[in-house]
Amino acid sequence: MPTAHATPTPTPSPAVRLPSPVDQAERLVDLGVHRLAGLDPEEIRAAAQAAPAEDGLLVIHPDRAPASALAPLVHHGGKKGFVVVDMTDLDEFVPIRDAAVPSSRVYVLTDLDRGDSMAGWSPEEALPAILGLGRTPLTVGEGLFWLLQQPEVLERNHCFMTIGSRLRKPTGRLDARTPAIWISNGTGRDGAPNRDAPKVGWCWAGNRHSWLGFASAATRQAGHSRAEDVPTSR
């Protein structure tokens, strides 16, 4: 039987403010994210100017910026991020109903929390708790966009899961894996060169890990882009 947990309390993690949306836009352009998303830099800059929250996080729609393309742009300790070798289907992990993203090409997340208060919980236990707080779990792409702007959020023994993304099997049932982002020890198939690198991997939905919280946000707010401009082929 699951162990009873105290009601989690969202807290800023860590206590460092995000760059302004305008500065975030320039960071994305400098990294070339606009090119992989097929967007003009001015569209990202315009979205930043119109951002509804000064302390919000700019995110590009996952159909435009897949997680597999974002992971290598994240850095930690001088090492670039990577996806574990047994997660070749990462981009098939899409937002769940309770983490529905706006249809605009650029949108904003508000009040981010790394979810340290739920470390030691399983994804199955954490999701209803997050929703019960009126919050929404981050998708794996959103977690990567957060780390592009605020890499210090990822700390050894204080990393996070992104259970807003799940893979649905052809049968309609959810795959048992849930995405997470943590720091590699460089062991096993990760390889020694990847020690201390940001790692996109997965955990079983019923398992608990003391070093993984559950990233969440208060809201997702649509940007200025037209809904019909978002591709829907994936």
Protein backbone atom coordinates (compact mmCIF):
# COMPACT_ATOMS: atom_id res chain seq x y z
CA MET A 1 0.00 0.00 0.00
CA PRO A 2 1.29 3.53 -0.75
CA THR A 3 2.69 5.44 2.18
CA ALA A 4 0.58 8.42 3.25
CA HIS A 5 2.19 11.73 2.34
CA ALA A 6 1.80 15.19 3.80
CA THR A 7 0.18 17.77 1.51
CA PRO A 8 3.00 19.27 -0.59
CA THR A 9 3.68 22.99 -0.53
CA PRO A 10 5.05 24.57 -3.74
CA THR A 11 8.18 26.61 -3.09
CA PRO A 12 10.45 28.46 -5.53
CA SER A 13 13.26 26.11 -6.55
CA PRO A 14 15.88 27.39 -6.40
CA ALA A 15 15.25 30.94 -5.17
CA VAL A 16 16.61 32.63 -8.30
CA ARG A 17 14.36 34.65 -10.58
CA LEU A 18 14.02 33.74 -14.21
CA PRO A 19 15.44 36.19 -16.75
CA SER A 20 12.85 38.56 -18.17
CA PRO A 21 10.85 37.24 -21.15
CA VAL A 22 12.76 39.64 -23.40
CA ASP A 23 16.09 38.22 -22.22
CA GLN A 24 14.70 34.70 -22.56
CA ALA A 25 13.80 35.38 -26.18
CA GLU A 26 17.34 36.49 -26.94
CA ARG A 27 18.70 33.38 -25.25
CA LEU A 28 16.51 31.15 -27.44
CA VAL A 29 17.58 33.01 -30.57
CA ASP A 30 21.25 32.79 -29.59
CA LEU A 31 20.86 29.02 -29.13
CA GLY A 32 19.19 28.68 -32.52
CA VAL A 33 15.93 27.36 -31.10
CA HIS A 34 14.01 29.49 -33.58
CA ARG A 35 15.66 27.61 -36.44
CA LEU A 36 14.80 24.14 -35.15
CA ALA A 37 11.24 25.37 -34.53
CA GLY A 38 10.94 26.96 -37.97
CA LEU A 39 10.13 30.36 -36.48
CA ASP A 40 11.32 33.84 -37.30
CA PRO A 41 13.31 35.34 -34.39
CA GLU A 42 10.96 38.31 -34.40
CA GLU A 43 8.02 36.07 -33.56
CA ILE A 44 9.75 34.89 -30.40
CA ARG A 45 10.71 38.46 -29.53
CA ALA A 46 7.14 39.64 -30.11
CA ALA A 47 5.81 36.87 -27.87
CA ALA A 48 8.24 37.98 -25.17
CA GLN A 49 7.08 41.58 -25.45
CA ALA A 50 3.47 40.44 -25.08
CA ALA A 51 4.14 37.92 -22.31
CA PRO A 52 1.36 38.10 -19.69
CA ALA A 53 3.78 37.47 -16.81
CA GLU A 54 7.12 39.22 -16.33
CA ASP A 55 8.43 36.22 -14.40
CA GLY A 56 6.93 33.61 -16.74
CA LEU A 57 8.82 31.09 -18.85
CA LEU A 58 8.68 31.27 -22.64
CA VAL A 59 7.93 27.88 -24.21
CA ILE A 60 7.62 26.90 -27.86
CA HIS A 61 4.89 24.42 -28.75
CA PRO A 62 6.18 20.80 -28.70
CA ASP A 63 5.09 20.23 -32.29
CA ARG A 64 7.60 22.93 -33.21
CA ALA A 65 10.39 22.17 -30.74
CA PRO A 66 10.64 18.44 -29.92
CA ALA A 67 12.34 17.44 -26.70
CA SER A 68 14.98 15.34 -28.50
CA ALA A 69 16.23 18.48 -30.27
CA LEU A 70 16.21 20.59 -27.10
CA ALA A 71 18.14 18.18 -24.87
CA PRO A 72 21.59 18.77 -26.45
CA LEU A 73 21.14 22.53 -25.99
CA VAL A 74 20.96 22.17 -22.19
CA HIS A 75 24.31 22.33 -20.38
CA HIS A 76 25.48 21.52 -16.86
CA GLY A 77 29.03 21.58 -15.58
CA GLY A 78 30.32 22.21 -19.08
CA LYS A 79 28.55 19.10 -20.43
CA LYS A 80 25.70 19.14 -22.95
CA GLY A 81 22.51 17.24 -22.36
CA PHE A 82 21.59 13.90 -23.87
CA VAL A 83 18.71 11.42 -24.09
CA VAL A 84 19.17 7.90 -22.71
CA VAL A 85 19.76 5.32 -25.44
CA ASP A 86 16.62 3.34 -24.63
CA MET A 87 14.32 6.33 -25.10
CA THR A 88 14.40 6.69 -28.87
CA ASP A 89 10.66 7.39 -28.72
CA LEU A 90 11.03 10.50 -26.52
CA ASP A 91 9.16 12.75 -28.93
CA GLU A 92 6.16 10.44 -28.81
CA PHE A 93 5.64 11.39 -25.14
CA VAL A 94 2.95 14.03 -25.53
CA PRO A 95 1.11 16.28 -23.05
CA ILE A 96 -1.52 14.54 -20.98
CA ARG A 97 -5.02 15.98 -20.68
CA ASP A 98 -4.15 17.63 -17.36
CA ALA A 99 -1.14 19.33 -18.99
CA ALA A 100 -2.80 20.50 -22.19
CA VAL A 101 -0.64 23.11 -23.88
CA PRO A 102 -2.06 26.19 -25.65
CA SER A 103 -2.30 25.93 -29.42
CA SER A 104 -0.22 29.07 -29.96
CA ARG A 105 3.32 28.56 -31.21
CA VAL A 106 4.78 30.34 -28.19
CA TYR A 107 3.20 30.29 -24.73
CA VAL A 108 4.10 31.16 -21.14
CA LEU A 109 4.33 29.09 -17.95
CA THR A 110 3.89 30.84 -14.61
CA ASP A 111 5.03 30.11 -11.05
CA LEU A 112 7.43 27.23 -11.70
CA ASP A 113 8.27 24.78 -8.92
CA ARG A 114 10.81 21.94 -8.99
CA GLY A 115 8.61 19.90 -6.68
CA ASP A 116 11.20 19.13 -4.00
CA SER A 117 8.41 18.65 -1.45
CA MET A 118 7.32 15.52 -3.33
CA ALA A 119 10.74 13.88 -3.54
CA GLY A 120 10.28 10.23 -2.61
CA TRP A 121 6.80 10.07 -4.15
CA SER A 122 5.86 8.03 -7.21
CA PRO A 123 4.41 9.67 -10.33
CA GLU A 124 1.11 7.92 -9.63
CA GLU A 125 1.02 9.54 -6.18
CA ALA A 126 2.30 12.95 -7.31
CA LEU A 127 -0.09 13.69 -10.17
CA PRO A 128 -3.31 13.88 -8.11
CA ALA A 129 -1.48 15.92 -5.46
CA ILE A 130 -0.28 18.45 -8.06
CA LEU A 131 -3.76 18.72 -9.55
CA GLY A 132 -5.25 19.01 -6.07
CA LEU A 133 -3.16 22.13 -5.54
CA GLY A 134 -4.66 23.65 -8.68
CA ARG A 135 -1.34 23.28 -10.50
CA THR A 136 -0.29 21.46 -13.66
CA PRO A 137 2.65 19.07 -14.18
CA LEU A 138 5.40 20.15 -16.56
CA THR A 139 5.94 18.31 -19.82
CA VAL A 140 9.44 17.13 -20.66
CA GLY A 141 9.82 19.88 -23.27
CA GLU A 142 8.79 22.52 -20.74
CA GLY A 143 11.35 21.16 -18.29
CA LEU A 144 14.05 21.54 -20.93
CA PHE A 145 12.98 25.09 -21.77
CA TRP A 146 13.25 25.88 -18.05
CA LEU A 147 16.81 24.54 -17.95
CA LEU A 148 17.77 26.48 -21.07
CA GLN A 149 16.97 29.67 -19.16
CA GLN A 150 17.85 28.63 -15.61
CA PRO A 151 20.35 25.72 -15.70
CA GLU A 152 21.05 26.02 -11.99
CA VAL A 153 17.61 24.52 -11.32
CA LEU A 154 19.18 21.12 -12.01
CA GLU A 155 21.21 20.14 -8.96
CA ARG A 156 22.66 16.77 -8.05
CA ASN A 157 20.21 15.01 -5.70
CA HIS A 158 17.62 17.71 -6.49
CA CYS A 159 16.36 16.96 -9.98
CA PHE A 160 12.83 16.51 -11.29
CA MET A 161 10.32 14.44 -13.19
CA THR A 162 8.13 15.82 -15.96
CA ILE A 163 5.01 13.72 -15.68
CA GLY A 164 2.96 16.05 -17.87
CA SER A 165 4.27 13.98 -20.81
CA ARG A 166 3.21 10.36 -21.35
CA LEU A 167 3.28 7.89 -24.20
CA ARG A 168 0.02 6.22 -25.12
CA LYS A 169 0.26 2.74 -26.62
CA PRO A 170 -1.74 1.65 -29.69
CA THR A 171 -4.05 -0.16 -27.26
CA GLY A 172 -4.92 3.18 -25.67
CA ARG A 173 -3.18 2.37 -22.39
CA LEU A 174 -0.40 4.54 -21.04
CA ASP A 175 3.18 3.35 -21.30
CA ALA A 176 4.52 2.74 -17.77
CA ARG A 177 7.49 5.09 -18.29
CA THR A 178 7.44 8.71 -17.12
CA PRO A 179 10.09 11.20 -18.32
CA ALA A 180 12.57 12.82 -15.93
CA ILE A 181 15.60 15.08 -16.15
CA TRP A 182 18.58 14.54 -13.88
CA ILE A 183 22.39 14.59 -13.78
CA SER A 184 24.20 11.56 -15.13
CA ASN A 185 26.80 9.70 -13.10
CA GLY A 186 28.43 8.54 -16.32
CA THR A 187 27.85 4.89 -15.48
CA GLY A 188 26.51 2.07 -17.64
CA ARG A 189 25.31 2.98 -21.10
CA ASP A 190 25.51 6.69 -20.33
CA GLY A 191 29.29 6.44 -20.69
CA ALA A 192 32.01 8.14 -18.64
CA PRO A 193 32.16 11.20 -20.96
CA ASN A 194 28.58 12.00 -19.91
CA ARG A 195 29.34 12.21 -16.20
CA ASP A 196 27.71 15.39 -14.81
CA ALA A 197 25.77 15.95 -18.05
CA PRO A 198 22.04 16.73 -18.00
CA LYS A 199 20.18 13.53 -18.82
CA VAL A 200 16.68 13.00 -20.16
CA GLY A 201 15.55 9.58 -19.04
CA TRP A 202 12.58 7.81 -17.57
CA CYS A 203 11.28 6.14 -14.42
CA TRP A 204 8.42 3.70 -13.85
CA ALA A 205 5.13 5.38 -12.97
CA GLY A 206 4.85 3.40 -9.73
CA ASN A 207 8.42 3.88 -8.47
CA ARG A 208 9.73 6.40 -5.92
CA HIS A 209 13.06 8.22 -6.02
CA SER A 210 14.33 10.36 -3.16
CA TRP A 211 16.32 12.60 -5.51
CA LEU A 212 13.52 13.42 -7.95
CA GLY A 213 10.84 16.02 -7.36
CA PHE A 214 7.91 16.72 -9.69
CA ALA A 215 8.10 19.95 -11.68
CA SER A 216 4.87 21.91 -11.99
CA ALA A 217 3.49 25.32 -12.88
CA ALA A 218 0.50 27.40 -11.87
CA THR A 219 -0.75 28.17 -15.39
CA ARG A 220 -0.06 27.99 -19.11
CA GLN A 221 -0.98 31.16 -20.94
CA ALA A 222 -1.28 31.41 -24.72
CA GLY A 223 0.99 33.67 -26.69
CA HIS A 224 0.03 35.82 -29.62
CA SER A 225 0.49 33.23 -32.40
CA ARG A 226 -2.47 31.97 -34.36
CA ALA A 227 -3.71 28.50 -33.43
CA GLU A 228 -3.95 27.43 -37.08
CA ASP A 229 -0.22 27.98 -37.50
CA VAL A 230 0.67 25.07 -35.21
CA PRO A 231 1.30 21.84 -37.15
CA THR A 232 -0.77 18.91 -36.00
CA SER A 233 0.81 16.07 -37.95
CA ARG A 234 2.59 14.39 -35.02
